[in-house]
Amino acid sequence: MITFKRADHINISVPPERLEEAFEFYSEVLGLEQIERPDKIFGSKGYWFNIGDIQLHISCEKPLPRSTRHTAFEVTDIAAAREQLEKHGVEITEEPKLPNRNRFAFIDPFGNRMELLQITA
């Protein structure tokens, strides 16, 4: 049996021609901290960011149809997160109610679905 310690990183994809727009969205709109990416190792451009104790990696590929695949991040203030995204015109989608969790998803400008949640108990 494999013993997992934690998630290390999450990778999302954006169209190559929108990579700089993705950088601005994740660094400015979401306020994520950019970290060094060893570009010489990879055959394409991208960006890496810190999110708590894991990383978000942005790579490039041609657009795909919208999917239910997603990543979920716990936040400390779900209302403030929603307000920040709405202020920037980001598409919000409601999620089914779950016990002890307030949550919603948003669609980034590149078609990636991301869920934000706050534990309530």
PDB file of N, CA and C in Angstrom:
ATOM      1  N   MET A   1       0.838  -1.176   0.000  1.00  0.00           N
ATOM      2  CA  MET A   1       0.000   0.000   0.000  1.00  0.00           C
ATOM      3  C   MET A   1       0.888   1.245   0.000  1.00  0.00           C
ATOM      4  N   ILE A   2       0.475   2.247  -0.735  1.00  0.00           N
ATOM      5  CA  ILE A   2       1.198   3.519  -0.786  1.00  0.00           C
ATOM      6  C   ILE A   2       0.750   4.375   0.382  1.00  0.00           C
ATOM      7  N   THR A   3       1.684   4.997   1.055  1.00  0.00           N
ATOM      8  CA  THR A   3       1.369   5.927   2.137  1.00  0.00           C
ATOM      9  C   THR A   3       1.612   7.343   1.624  1.00  0.00           C
ATOM     10  N   PHE A   4       0.551   8.108   1.517  1.00  0.00           N
ATOM     11  CA  PHE A   4       0.657   9.487   1.031  1.00  0.00           C
ATOM     12  C   PHE A   4       0.885  10.433   2.194  1.00  0.00           C
ATOM     13  N   LYS A   5       1.738  11.441   1.990  1.00  0.00           N
ATOM     14  CA  LYS A   5       2.004  12.447   3.013  1.00  0.00           C
ATOM     15  C   LYS A   5       1.158  13.703   2.786  1.00  0.00           C
ATOM     16  N   ARG A   6       1.111  14.208   1.550  1.00  0.00           N
ATOM     17  CA  ARG A   6       0.371  15.426   1.241  1.00  0.00           C
ATOM     18  C   ARG A   6       0.388  15.645  -0.259  1.00  0.00           C
ATOM     19  N   ALA A   7      -0.456  16.526  -0.745  1.00  0.00           N
ATOM     20  CA  ALA A   7      -0.375  16.942  -2.145  1.00  0.00           C
ATOM     21  C   ALA A   7       0.814  17.888  -2.274  1.00  0.00           C
ATOM     22  N   ASP A   8       1.580  17.752  -3.320  1.00  0.00           N
ATOM     23  CA  ASP A   8       2.740  18.615  -3.545  1.00  0.00           C
ATOM     24  C   ASP A   8       2.404  19.778  -4.468  1.00  0.00           C
ATOM     25  N   HIS A   9       1.744  19.476  -5.597  1.00  0.00           N
ATOM     26  CA  HIS A   9       1.375  20.540  -6.524  1.00  0.00           C
ATOM     27  C   HIS A   9       0.176  20.120  -7.363  1.00  0.00           C
ATOM     28  N   ILE A  10      -0.422  21.120  -7.976  1.00  0.00           N
ATOM     29  CA  ILE A  10      -1.539  20.951  -8.892  1.00  0.00           C
ATOM     30  C   ILE A  10      -1.130  21.643 -10.184  1.00  0.00           C
ATOM     31  N   ASN A  11      -1.417  21.023 -11.316  1.00  0.00           N
ATOM     32  CA  ASN A  11      -1.082  21.618 -12.602  1.00  0.00           C
ATOM     33  C   ASN A  11      -2.369  21.937 -13.356  1.00  0.00           C
ATOM     34  N   ILE A  12      -2.450  23.139 -13.882  1.00  0.00           N
ATOM     35  CA  ILE A  12      -3.545  23.509 -14.770  1.00  0.00           C
ATOM     36  C   ILE A  12      -2.941  23.916 -16.103  1.00  0.00           C
ATOM     37  N   SER A  13      -3.768  23.928 -17.130  1.00  0.00           N
ATOM     38  CA  SER A  13      -3.292  24.272 -18.462  1.00  0.00           C
ATOM     39  C   SER A  13      -4.026  25.474 -19.007  1.00  0.00           C
ATOM     40  N   VAL A  14      -3.298  26.258 -19.782  1.00  0.00           N
ATOM     41  CA  VAL A  14      -3.866  27.420 -20.469  1.00  0.00           C
ATOM     42  C   VAL A  14      -3.354  27.394 -21.906  1.00  0.00           C
ATOM     43  N   PRO A  15      -4.084  28.016 -22.840  1.00  0.00           N
ATOM     44  CA  PRO A  15      -3.577  28.091 -24.210  1.00  0.00           C
ATOM     45  C   PRO A  15      -2.255  28.862 -24.230  1.00  0.00           C
ATOM     46  N   PRO A  16      -1.303  28.446 -25.035  1.00  0.00           N
ATOM     47  CA  PRO A  16       0.008  29.110 -25.045  1.00  0.00           C
ATOM     48  C   PRO A  16      -0.067  30.624 -25.246  1.00  0.00           C
ATOM     49  N   GLU A  17      -0.978  31.071 -26.097  1.00  0.00           N
ATOM     50  CA  GLU A  17      -1.069  32.505 -26.375  1.00  0.00           C
ATOM     51  C   GLU A  17      -1.676  33.298 -25.212  1.00  0.00           C
ATOM     52  N   ARG A  18      -2.174  32.607 -24.181  1.00  0.00           N
ATOM     53  CA  ARG A  18      -2.782  33.298 -23.035  1.00  0.00           C
ATOM     54  C   ARG A  18      -1.975  33.113 -21.743  1.00  0.00           C
ATOM     55  N   LEU A  19      -0.757  32.611 -21.855  1.00  0.00           N
ATOM     56  CA  LEU A  19       0.056  32.348 -20.668  1.00  0.00           C
ATOM     57  C   LEU A  19       0.289  33.600 -19.831  1.00  0.00           C
ATOM     58  N   GLU A  20       0.606  34.724 -20.454  1.00  0.00           N
ATOM     59  CA  GLU A  20       0.865  35.945 -19.685  1.00  0.00           C
ATOM     60  C   GLU A  20      -0.408  36.453 -19.016  1.00  0.00           C
ATOM     61  N   GLU A  21      -1.548  36.285 -19.667  1.00  0.00           N
ATOM     62  CA  GLU A  21      -2.830  36.627 -19.061  1.00  0.00           C
ATOM     63  C   GLU A  21      -3.086  35.750 -17.835  1.00  0.00           C
ATOM     64  N   ALA A  22      -2.718  34.471 -17.938  1.00  0.00           N
ATOM     65  CA  ALA A  22      -2.865  33.554 -16.801  1.00  0.00           C
ATOM     66  C   ALA A  22      -1.976  33.998 -15.643  1.00  0.00           C
ATOM     67  N   PHE A  23      -0.756  34.414 -15.954  1.00  0.00           N
ATOM     68  CA  PHE A  23       0.137  34.911 -14.913  1.00  0.00           C
ATOM     69  C   PHE A  23      -0.505  36.087 -14.184  1.00  0.00           C
ATOM     70  N   GLU A  24      -1.047  37.031 -14.936  1.00  0.00           N
ATOM     71  CA  GLU A  24      -1.688  38.207 -14.322  1.00  0.00           C
ATOM     72  C   GLU A  24      -2.892  37.797 -13.473  1.00  0.00           C
ATOM     73  N   PHE A  25      -3.720  36.877 -13.965  1.00  0.00           N
ATOM     74  CA  PHE A  25      -4.902  36.445 -13.215  1.00  0.00           C
ATOM     75  C   PHE A  25      -4.496  35.822 -11.881  1.00  0.00           C
ATOM     76  N   TYR A  26      -3.584  34.864 -11.915  1.00  0.00           N
ATOM     77  CA  TYR A  26      -3.224  34.155 -10.689  1.00  0.00           C
ATOM     78  C   TYR A  26      -2.349  34.986  -9.749  1.00  0.00           C
ATOM     79  N   SER A  27      -1.557  35.897 -10.283  1.00  0.00           N
ATOM     80  CA  SER A  27      -0.728  36.720  -9.400  1.00  0.00           C
ATOM     81  C   SER A  27      -1.459  37.964  -8.908  1.00  0.00           C
ATOM     82  N   GLU A  28      -2.216  38.628  -9.774  1.00  0.00           N
ATOM     83  CA  GLU A  28      -2.853  39.891  -9.403  1.00  0.00           C
ATOM     84  C   GLU A  28      -4.275  39.716  -8.874  1.00  0.00           C
ATOM     85  N   VAL A  29      -5.121  38.975  -9.590  1.00  0.00           N
ATOM     86  CA  VAL A  29      -6.508  38.806  -9.158  1.00  0.00           C
ATOM     87  C   VAL A  29      -6.565  37.919  -7.914  1.00  0.00           C
ATOM     88  N   LEU A  30      -5.871  36.765  -7.959  1.00  0.00           N
ATOM     89  CA  LEU A  30      -5.901  35.862  -6.809  1.00  0.00           C
ATOM     90  C   LEU A  30      -4.814  36.166  -5.786  1.00  0.00           C
ATOM     91  N   GLY A  31      -3.803  36.912  -6.166  1.00  0.00           N
ATOM     92  CA  GLY A  31      -2.767  37.320  -5.222  1.00  0.00           C
ATOM     93  C   GLY A  31      -1.802  36.219  -4.818  1.00  0.00           C
ATOM     94  N   LEU A  32      -1.582  35.239  -5.694  1.00  0.00           N
ATOM     95  CA  LEU A  32      -0.669  34.153  -5.357  1.00  0.00           C
ATOM     96  C   LEU A  32       0.788  34.590  -5.492  1.00  0.00           C
ATOM     97  N   GLU A  33       1.633  33.979  -4.688  1.00  0.00           N
ATOM     98  CA  GLU A  33       3.067  34.275  -4.688  1.00  0.00           C
ATOM     99  C   GLU A  33       3.757  33.435  -5.760  1.00  0.00           C
ATOM    100  N   GLN A  34       4.391  34.109  -6.716  1.00  0.00           N
ATOM    101  CA  GLN A  34       5.141  33.396  -7.741  1.00  0.00           C
ATOM    102  C   GLN A  34       6.421  32.824  -7.134  1.00  0.00           C
ATOM    103  N   ILE A  35       6.763  31.605  -7.549  1.00  0.00           N
ATOM    104  CA  ILE A  35       8.023  30.996  -7.131  1.00  0.00           C
ATOM    105  C   ILE A  35       8.813  30.601  -8.374  1.00  0.00           C
ATOM    106  N   GLU A  36      10.084  30.333  -8.178  1.00  0.00           N
ATOM    107  CA  GLU A  36      10.949  30.011  -9.306  1.00  0.00           C
ATOM    108  C   GLU A  36      10.541  28.690  -9.953  1.00  0.00           C
ATOM    109  N   ARG A  37      10.536  28.697 -11.273  1.00  0.00           N
ATOM    110  CA  ARG A  37      10.266  27.492 -12.076  1.00  0.00           C
ATOM    111  C   ARG A  37      11.543  27.199 -12.854  1.00  0.00           C
ATOM    112  N   PRO A  38      12.052  25.981 -12.784  1.00  0.00           N
ATOM    113  CA  PRO A  38      13.288  25.664 -13.516  1.00  0.00           C
ATOM    114  C   PRO A  38      13.024  25.510 -15.011  1.00  0.00           C
ATOM    115  N   ASP A  39      12.878  26.646 -15.703  1.00  0.00           N
ATOM    116  CA  ASP A  39      12.467  26.654 -17.109  1.00  0.00           C
ATOM    117  C   ASP A  39      13.361  25.819 -18.010  1.00  0.00           C
ATOM    118  N   LYS A  40      14.644  25.718 -17.722  1.00  0.00           N
ATOM    119  CA  LYS A  40      15.566  24.983 -18.597  1.00  0.00           C
ATOM    120  C   LYS A  40      15.235  23.490 -18.655  1.00  0.00           C
ATOM    121  N   ILE A  41      14.531  22.987 -17.662  1.00  0.00           N
ATOM    122  CA  ILE A  41      14.168  21.568 -17.611  1.00  0.00           C
ATOM    123  C   ILE A  41      13.013  21.261 -18.557  1.00  0.00           C
ATOM    124  N   PHE A  42      12.136  22.228 -18.758  1.00  0.00           N
ATOM    125  CA  PHE A  42      10.906  22.013 -19.516  1.00  0.00           C
ATOM    126  C   PHE A  42      11.033  22.519 -20.942  1.00  0.00           C
ATOM    127  N   GLY A  43      10.287  21.908 -21.843  1.00  0.00           N
ATOM    128  CA  GLY A  43      10.316  22.308 -23.236  1.00  0.00           C
ATOM    129  C   GLY A  43       9.361  23.434 -23.572  1.00  0.00           C
ATOM    130  N   SER A  44       8.619  23.917 -22.593  1.00  0.00           N
ATOM    131  CA  SER A  44       7.675  25.006 -22.837  1.00  0.00           C
ATOM    132  C   SER A  44       7.685  25.958 -21.652  1.00  0.00           C
ATOM    133  N   LYS A  45       7.068  27.110 -21.846  1.00  0.00           N
ATOM    134  CA  LYS A  45       7.003  28.108 -20.783  1.00  0.00           C
ATOM    135  C   LYS A  45       5.891  27.773 -19.807  1.00  0.00           C
ATOM    136  N   GLY A  46       5.967  28.361 -18.625  1.00  0.00           N
ATOM    137  CA  GLY A  46       4.942  28.187 -17.614  1.00  0.00           C
ATOM    138  C   GLY A  46       5.280  29.005 -16.388  1.00  0.00           C
ATOM    139  N   TYR A  47       4.432  28.914 -15.372  1.00  0.00           N
ATOM    140  CA  TYR A  47       4.647  29.630 -14.110  1.00  0.00           C
ATOM    141  C   TYR A  47       4.305  28.718 -12.951  1.00  0.00           C
ATOM    142  N   TRP A  48       4.956  28.958 -11.828  1.00  0.00           N
ATOM    143  CA  TRP A  48       4.669  28.249 -10.585  1.00  0.00           C
ATOM    144  C   TRP A  48       4.341  29.257  -9.500  1.00  0.00           C
ATOM    145  N   PHE A  49       3.395  28.880  -8.627  1.00  0.00           N
ATOM    146  CA  PHE A  49       2.965  29.728  -7.517  1.00  0.00           C
ATOM    147  C   PHE A  49       2.843  28.896  -6.247  1.00  0.00           C
ATOM    148  N   ASN A  50       2.979  29.537  -5.098  1.00  0.00           N
ATOM    149  CA  ASN A  50       2.683  28.908  -3.813  1.00  0.00           C
ATOM    150  C   ASN A  50       1.221  29.109  -3.477  1.00  0.00           C
ATOM    151  N   ILE A  51       0.594  28.061  -2.947  1.00  0.00           N
ATOM    152  CA  ILE A  51      -0.753  28.134  -2.362  1.00  0.00           C
ATOM    153  C   ILE A  51      -0.657  27.365  -1.056  1.00  0.00           C
ATOM    154  N   GLY A  52      -0.568  28.072   0.046  1.00  0.00           N
ATOM    155  CA  GLY A  52      -0.408  27.396   1.330  1.00  0.00           C
ATOM    156  C   GLY A  52       0.848  26.549   1.311  1.00  0.00           C
ATOM    157  N   ASP A  53       0.700  25.239   1.573  1.00  0.00           N
ATOM    158  CA  ASP A  53       1.875  24.371   1.595  1.00  0.00           C
ATOM    159  C   ASP A  53       1.976  23.486   0.349  1.00  0.00           C
ATOM    160  N   ILE A  54       1.274  23.882  -0.727  1.00  0.00           N
ATOM    161  CA  ILE A  54       1.419  23.194  -2.010  1.00  0.00           C
ATOM    162  C   ILE A  54       1.704  24.231  -3.085  1.00  0.00           C
ATOM    163  N   GLN A  55       1.895  23.766  -4.301  1.00  0.00           N
ATOM    164  CA  GLN A  55       2.174  24.670  -5.412  1.00  0.00           C
ATOM    165  C   GLN A  55       1.123  24.523  -6.506  1.00  0.00           C
ATOM    166  N   LEU A  56       0.911  25.610  -7.243  1.00  0.00           N
ATOM    167  CA  LEU A  56       0.089  25.603  -8.448  1.00  0.00           C
ATOM    168  C   LEU A  56       1.035  25.794  -9.621  1.00  0.00           C
ATOM    169  N   HIS A  57       1.015  24.863 -10.560  1.00  0.00           N
ATOM    170  CA  HIS A  57       1.839  24.953 -11.758  1.00  0.00           C
ATOM    171  C   HIS A  57       0.935  25.254 -12.942  1.00  0.00           C
ATOM    172  N   ILE A  58       1.328  26.208 -13.761  1.00  0.00           N
ATOM    173  CA  ILE A  58       0.577  26.554 -14.969  1.00  0.00           C
ATOM    174  C   ILE A  58       1.425  26.158 -16.172  1.00  0.00           C
ATOM    175  N   SER A  59       0.856  25.301 -17.009  1.00  0.00           N
ATOM    176  CA  SER A  59       1.532  24.885 -18.233  1.00  0.00           C
ATOM    177  C   SER A  59       0.651  25.247 -19.424  1.00  0.00           C
ATOM    178  N   CYS A  60       1.152  25.003 -20.613  1.00  0.00           N
ATOM    179  CA  CYS A  60       0.430  25.381 -21.831  1.00  0.00           C
ATOM    180  C   CYS A  60      -0.015  24.152 -22.608  1.00  0.00           C
ATOM    181  N   GLU A  61      -1.244  24.197 -23.105  1.00  0.00           N
ATOM    182  CA  GLU A  61      -1.745  23.226 -24.063  1.00  0.00           C
ATOM    183  C   GLU A  61      -2.953  23.833 -24.757  1.00  0.00           C
ATOM    184  N   LYS A  62      -3.342  23.253 -25.858  1.00  0.00           N
ATOM    185  CA  LYS A  62      -4.507  23.761 -26.589  1.00  0.00           C
ATOM    186  C   LYS A  62      -5.752  23.622 -25.728  1.00  0.00           C
ATOM    187  N   PRO A  63      -6.735  24.531 -25.888  1.00  0.00           N
ATOM    188  CA  PRO A  63      -7.941  24.504 -25.062  1.00  0.00           C
ATOM    189  C   PRO A  63      -8.704  23.186 -25.176  1.00  0.00           C
ATOM    190  N   LEU A  64      -9.286  22.787 -24.047  1.00  0.00           N
ATOM    191  CA  LEU A  64     -10.115  21.587 -23.984  1.00  0.00           C
ATOM    192  C   LEU A  64     -11.549  21.997 -23.654  1.00  0.00           C
ATOM    193  N   PRO A  65     -12.533  21.129 -23.942  1.00  0.00           N
ATOM    194  CA  PRO A  65     -13.906  21.452 -23.528  1.00  0.00           C
ATOM    195  C   PRO A  65     -13.990  21.563 -22.007  1.00  0.00           C
ATOM    196  N   ARG A  66     -14.966  22.296 -21.524  1.00  0.00           N
ATOM    197  CA  ARG A  66     -15.148  22.445 -20.074  1.00  0.00           C
ATOM    198  C   ARG A  66     -15.430  21.088 -19.449  1.00  0.00           C
ATOM    199  N   SER A  67     -14.839  20.848 -18.313  1.00  0.00           N
ATOM    200  CA  SER A  67     -14.932  19.565 -17.630  1.00  0.00           C
ATOM    201  C   SER A  67     -15.371  19.789 -16.191  1.00  0.00           C
ATOM    202  N   THR A  68     -15.831  18.731 -15.549  1.00  0.00           N
ATOM    203  CA  THR A  68     -16.130  18.819 -14.122  1.00  0.00           C
ATOM    204  C   THR A  68     -14.875  18.600 -13.287  1.00  0.00           C
ATOM    205  N   ARG A  69     -13.754  18.211 -13.919  1.00  0.00           N
ATOM    206  CA  ARG A  69     -12.499  18.070 -13.171  1.00  0.00           C
ATOM    207  C   ARG A  69     -12.187  19.391 -12.505  1.00  0.00           C
ATOM    208  N   HIS A  70     -11.653  19.311 -11.308  1.00  0.00           N
ATOM    209  CA  HIS A  70     -11.346  20.546 -10.608  1.00  0.00           C
ATOM    210  C   HIS A  70     -10.379  20.286  -9.466  1.00  0.00           C
ATOM    211  N   THR A  71      -9.897  21.366  -8.932  1.00  0.00           N
ATOM    212  CA  THR A  71      -9.082  21.361  -7.727  1.00  0.00           C
ATOM    213  C   THR A  71      -9.834  22.175  -6.697  1.00  0.00           C
ATOM    214  N   ALA A  72      -9.781  21.772  -5.441  1.00  0.00           N
ATOM    215  CA  ALA A  72     -10.454  22.518  -4.373  1.00  0.00           C
ATOM    216  C   ALA A  72      -9.415  23.048  -3.400  1.00  0.00           C
ATOM    217  N   PHE A  73      -9.581  24.307  -3.017  1.00  0.00           N
ATOM    218  CA  PHE A  73      -8.696  24.947  -2.061  1.00  0.00           C
ATOM    219  C   PHE A  73      -9.506  25.431  -0.872  1.00  0.00           C
ATOM    220  N   GLU A  74      -9.036  25.164   0.321  1.00  0.00           N
ATOM    221  CA  GLU A  74      -9.660  25.705   1.522  1.00  0.00           C
ATOM    222  C   GLU A  74      -9.181  27.141   1.705  1.00  0.00           C
ATOM    223  N   VAL A  75     -10.114  28.036   2.017  1.00  0.00           N
ATOM    224  CA  VAL A  75      -9.789  29.439   2.274  1.00  0.00           C
ATOM    225  C   VAL A  75     -10.278  29.819   3.670  1.00  0.00           C
ATOM    226  N   THR A  76      -9.772  30.921   4.184  1.00  0.00           N
ATOM    227  CA  THR A  76     -10.161  31.345   5.528  1.00  0.00           C
ATOM    228  C   THR A  76     -11.437  32.175   5.535  1.00  0.00           C
ATOM    229  N   ASP A  77     -11.777  32.829   4.410  1.00  0.00           N
ATOM    230  CA  ASP A  77     -12.963  33.682   4.350  1.00  0.00           C
ATOM    231  C   ASP A  77     -13.615  33.522   2.981  1.00  0.00           C
ATOM    232  N   ILE A  78     -14.583  32.631   2.895  1.00  0.00           N
ATOM    233  CA  ILE A  78     -15.222  32.311   1.621  1.00  0.00           C
ATOM    234  C   ILE A  78     -15.973  33.510   1.046  1.00  0.00           C
ATOM    235  N   ALA A  79     -16.576  34.325   1.903  1.00  0.00           N
ATOM    236  CA  ALA A  79     -17.321  35.502   1.423  1.00  0.00           C
ATOM    237  C   ALA A  79     -16.367  36.512   0.792  1.00  0.00           C
ATOM    238  N   ALA A  80     -15.226  36.749   1.417  1.00  0.00           N
ATOM    239  CA  ALA A  80     -14.241  37.680   0.865  1.00  0.00           C
ATOM    240  C   ALA A  80     -13.667  37.150  -0.446  1.00  0.00           C
ATOM    241  N   ALA A  81     -13.476  35.826  -0.533  1.00  0.00           N
ATOM    242  CA  ALA A  81     -12.966  35.232  -1.768  1.00  0.00           C
ATOM    243  C   ALA A  81     -13.958  35.440  -2.904  1.00  0.00           C
ATOM    244  N   ARG A  82     -15.243  35.191  -2.623  1.00  0.00           N
ATOM    245  CA  ARG A  82     -16.282  35.395  -3.646  1.00  0.00           C
ATOM    246  C   ARG A  82     -16.320  36.858  -4.078  1.00  0.00           C
ATOM    247  N   GLU A  83     -16.271  37.750  -3.117  1.00  0.00           N
ATOM    248  CA  GLU A  83     -16.301  39.181  -3.429  1.00  0.00           C
ATOM    249  C   GLU A  83     -15.128  39.579  -4.324  1.00  0.00           C
ATOM    250  N   GLN A  84     -13.941  39.081  -4.016  1.00  0.00           N
ATOM    251  CA  GLN A  84     -12.749  39.387  -4.815  1.00  0.00           C
ATOM    252  C   GLN A  84     -12.923  38.903  -6.255  1.00  0.00           C
ATOM    253  N   LEU A  85     -13.410  37.695  -6.432  1.00  0.00           N
ATOM    254  CA  LEU A  85     -13.591  37.149  -7.774  1.00  0.00           C
ATOM    255  C   LEU A  85     -14.692  37.881  -8.531  1.00  0.00           C
ATOM    256  N   GLU A  86     -15.808  38.152  -7.876  1.00  0.00           N
ATOM    257  CA  GLU A  86     -16.904  38.877  -8.524  1.00  0.00           C
ATOM    258  C   GLU A  86     -16.468  40.278  -8.936  1.00  0.00           C
ATOM    259  N   LYS A  87     -15.643  40.919  -8.120  1.00  0.00           N
ATOM    260  CA  LYS A  87     -15.129  42.252  -8.431  1.00  0.00           C
ATOM    261  C   LYS A  87     -14.362  42.250  -9.749  1.00  0.00           C
ATOM    262  N   HIS A  88     -13.758  41.130 -10.068  1.00  0.00           N
ATOM    263  CA  HIS A  88     -12.982  41.010 -11.305  1.00  0.00           C
ATOM    264  C   HIS A  88     -13.758  40.325 -12.418  1.00  0.00           C
ATOM    265  N   GLY A  89     -15.077  40.122 -12.220  1.00  0.00           N
ATOM    266  CA  GLY A  89     -15.921  39.554 -13.265  1.00  0.00           C
ATOM    267  C   GLY A  89     -15.677  38.081 -13.548  1.00  0.00           C
ATOM    268  N   VAL A  90     -15.155  37.355 -12.563  1.00  0.00           N
ATOM    269  CA  VAL A  90     -14.869  35.938 -12.745  1.00  0.00           C
ATOM    270  C   VAL A  90     -16.166  35.141 -12.631  1.00  0.00           C
ATOM    271  N   GLU A  91     -16.351  34.172 -13.522  1.00  0.00           N
ATOM    272  CA  GLU A  91     -17.546  33.335 -13.530  1.00  0.00           C
ATOM    273  C   GLU A  91     -17.590  32.448 -12.281  1.00  0.00           C
ATOM    274  N   ILE A  92     -18.686  32.545 -11.521  1.00  0.00           N
ATOM    275  CA  ILE A  92     -18.899  31.764 -10.303  1.00  0.00           C
ATOM    276  C   ILE A  92     -19.958  30.703 -10.606  1.00  0.00           C
ATOM    277  N   THR A  93     -19.765  29.495 -10.113  1.00  0.00           N
ATOM    278  CA  THR A  93     -20.788  28.455 -10.215  1.00  0.00           C
ATOM    279  C   THR A  93     -21.064  27.921  -8.814  1.00  0.00           C
ATOM    280  N   GLU A  94     -22.324  27.727  -8.527  1.00  0.00           N
ATOM    281  CA  GLU A  94     -22.712  27.220  -7.212  1.00  0.00           C
ATOM    282  C   GLU A  94     -22.470  25.715  -7.146  1.00  0.00           C
ATOM    283  N   GLU A  95     -22.133  25.249  -5.974  1.00  0.00           N
ATOM    284  CA  GLU A  95     -21.898  23.836  -5.734  1.00  0.00           C
ATOM    285  C   GLU A  95     -22.983  23.306  -4.798  1.00  0.00           C
ATOM    286  N   PRO A  96     -23.317  22.018  -4.902  1.00  0.00           N
ATOM    287  CA  PRO A  96     -24.292  21.447  -3.959  1.00  0.00           C
ATOM    288  C   PRO A  96     -23.816  21.631  -2.515  1.00  0.00           C
ATOM    289  N   LYS A  97     -24.766  21.832  -1.618  1.00  0.00           N
ATOM    290  CA  LYS A  97     -24.457  22.013  -0.202  1.00  0.00           C
ATOM    291  C   LYS A  97     -23.868  20.737   0.378  1.00  0.00           C
ATOM    292  N   LEU A  98     -22.847  20.888   1.191  1.00  0.00           N
ATOM    293  CA  LEU A  98     -22.239  19.780   1.923  1.00  0.00           C
ATOM    294  C   LEU A  98     -22.233  20.130   3.406  1.00  0.00           C
ATOM    295  N   PRO A  99     -22.360  19.150   4.285  1.00  0.00           N
ATOM    296  CA  PRO A  99     -22.293  19.447   5.715  1.00  0.00           C
ATOM    297  C   PRO A  99     -20.938  20.070   6.081  1.00  0.00           C
ATOM    298  N   ASN A 100     -20.970  21.085   6.898  1.00  0.00           N
ATOM    299  CA  ASN A 100     -19.778  21.728   7.458  1.00  0.00           C
ATOM    300  C   ASN A 100     -18.857  22.387   6.431  1.00  0.00           C
ATOM    301  N   ARG A 101     -19.392  22.703   5.269  1.00  0.00           N
ATOM    302  CA  ARG A 101     -18.567  23.365   4.252  1.00  0.00           C
ATOM    303  C   ARG A 101     -19.402  24.394   3.492  1.00  0.00           C
ATOM    304  N   ASN A 102     -18.889  25.601   3.421  1.00  0.00           N
ATOM    305  CA  ASN A 102     -19.422  26.603   2.505  1.00  0.00           C
ATOM    306  C   ASN A 102     -18.495  26.573   1.301  1.00  0.00           C
ATOM    307  N   ARG A 103     -19.078  26.531   0.108  1.00  0.00           N
ATOM    308  CA  ARG A 103     -18.221  26.392  -1.063  1.00  0.00           C
ATOM    309  C   ARG A 103     -18.884  26.921  -2.322  1.00  0.00           C
ATOM    310  N   PHE A 104     -18.052  27.210  -3.290  1.00  0.00           N
ATOM    311  CA  PHE A 104     -18.465  27.544  -4.645  1.00  0.00           C
ATOM    312  C   PHE A 104     -17.287  27.248  -5.552  1.00  0.00           C
ATOM    313  N   ALA A 105     -17.548  27.237  -6.838  1.00  0.00           N
ATOM    314  CA  ALA A 105     -16.479  27.056  -7.807  1.00  0.00           C
ATOM    315  C   ALA A 105     -16.396  28.302  -8.674  1.00  0.00           C
ATOM    316  N   PHE A 106     -15.252  28.493  -9.274  1.00  0.00           N
ATOM    317  CA  PHE A 106     -15.120  29.537 -10.275  1.00  0.00           C
ATOM    318  C   PHE A 106     -14.415  28.948 -11.486  1.00  0.00           C
ATOM    319  N   ILE A 107     -14.668  29.571 -12.620  1.00  0.00           N
ATOM    320  CA  ILE A 107     -14.036  29.165 -13.867  1.00  0.00           C
ATOM    321  C   ILE A 107     -13.015  30.248 -14.186  1.00  0.00           C
ATOM    322  N   ASP A 108     -11.747  29.867 -14.215  1.00  0.00           N
ATOM    323  CA  ASP A 108     -10.740  30.879 -14.538  1.00  0.00           C
ATOM    324  C   ASP A 108     -10.895  31.276 -16.003  1.00  0.00           C
ATOM    325  N   PRO A 109     -10.258  32.344 -16.429  1.00  0.00           N
ATOM    326  CA  PRO A 109     -10.440  32.815 -17.806  1.00  0.00           C
ATOM    327  C   PRO A 109      -9.994  31.819 -18.872  1.00  0.00           C
ATOM    328  N   PHE A 110      -9.408  30.698 -18.471  1.00  0.00           N
ATOM    329  CA  PHE A 110      -8.835  29.740 -19.399  1.00  0.00           C
ATOM    330  C   PHE A 110      -9.604  28.419 -19.401  1.00  0.00           C
ATOM    331  N   GLY A 111     -10.754  28.382 -18.674  1.00  0.00           N
ATOM    332  CA  GLY A 111     -11.615  27.210 -18.652  1.00  0.00           C
ATOM    333  C   GLY A 111     -11.345  26.219 -17.539  1.00  0.00           C
ATOM    334  N   ASN A 112     -10.385  26.515 -16.659  1.00  0.00           N
ATOM    335  CA  ASN A 112     -10.106  25.630 -15.530  1.00  0.00           C
ATOM    336  C   ASN A 112     -11.118  25.879 -14.420  1.00  0.00           C
ATOM    337  N   ARG A 113     -11.696  24.815 -13.901  1.00  0.00           N
ATOM    338  CA  ARG A 113     -12.660  24.911 -12.801  1.00  0.00           C
ATOM    339  C   ARG A 113     -11.913  24.752 -11.489  1.00  0.00           C
ATOM    340  N   MET A 114     -12.112  25.698 -10.562  1.00  0.00           N
ATOM    341  CA  MET A 114     -11.455  25.668  -9.267  1.00  0.00           C
ATOM    342  C   MET A 114     -12.530  25.836  -8.188  1.00  0.00           C
ATOM    343  N   GLU A 115     -12.484  25.023  -7.152  1.00  0.00           N
ATOM    344  CA  GLU A 115     -13.436  25.126  -6.055  1.00  0.00           C
ATOM    345  C   GLU A 115     -12.746  25.779  -4.856  1.00  0.00           C
ATOM    346  N   LEU A 116     -13.465  26.670  -4.194  1.00  0.00           N
ATOM    347  CA  LEU A 116     -13.004  27.263  -2.954  1.00  0.00           C
ATOM    348  C   LEU A 116     -13.988  26.829  -1.858  1.00  0.00           C
ATOM    349  N   LEU A 117     -13.457  26.503  -0.694  1.00  0.00           N
ATOM    350  CA  LEU A 117     -14.335  26.069   0.394  1.00  0.00           C
ATOM    351  C   LEU A 117     -13.816  26.584   1.729  1.00  0.00           C
ATOM    352  N   GLN A 118     -14.756  26.730   2.656  1.00  0.00           N
ATOM    353  CA  GLN A 118     -14.430  27.103   4.032  1.00  0.00           C
ATOM    354  C   GLN A 118     -15.108  26.085   4.943  1.00  0.00           C
ATOM    355  N   ILE A 119     -14.312  25.469   5.813  1.00  0.00           N
ATOM    356  CA  ILE A 119     -14.828  24.510   6.788  1.00  0.00           C
ATOM    357  C   ILE A 119     -15.558  25.306   7.864  1.00  0.00           C
ATOM    358  N   THR A 120     -16.797  24.887   8.190  1.00  0.00           N
ATOM    359  CA  THR A 120     -17.604  25.652   9.156  1.00  0.00           C
ATOM    360  C   THR A 120     -17.699  24.986  10.509  1.00  0.00           C
ATOM    361  N   ALA A 121     -17.309  23.747  10.652  1.00  0.00           N
ATOM    362  CA  ALA A 121     -17.353  23.086  11.969  1.00  0.00           C
ATOM    363  C   ALA A 121     -16.288  22.026  12.076  1.00  0.00           C
TER     364      ALA A 121
END
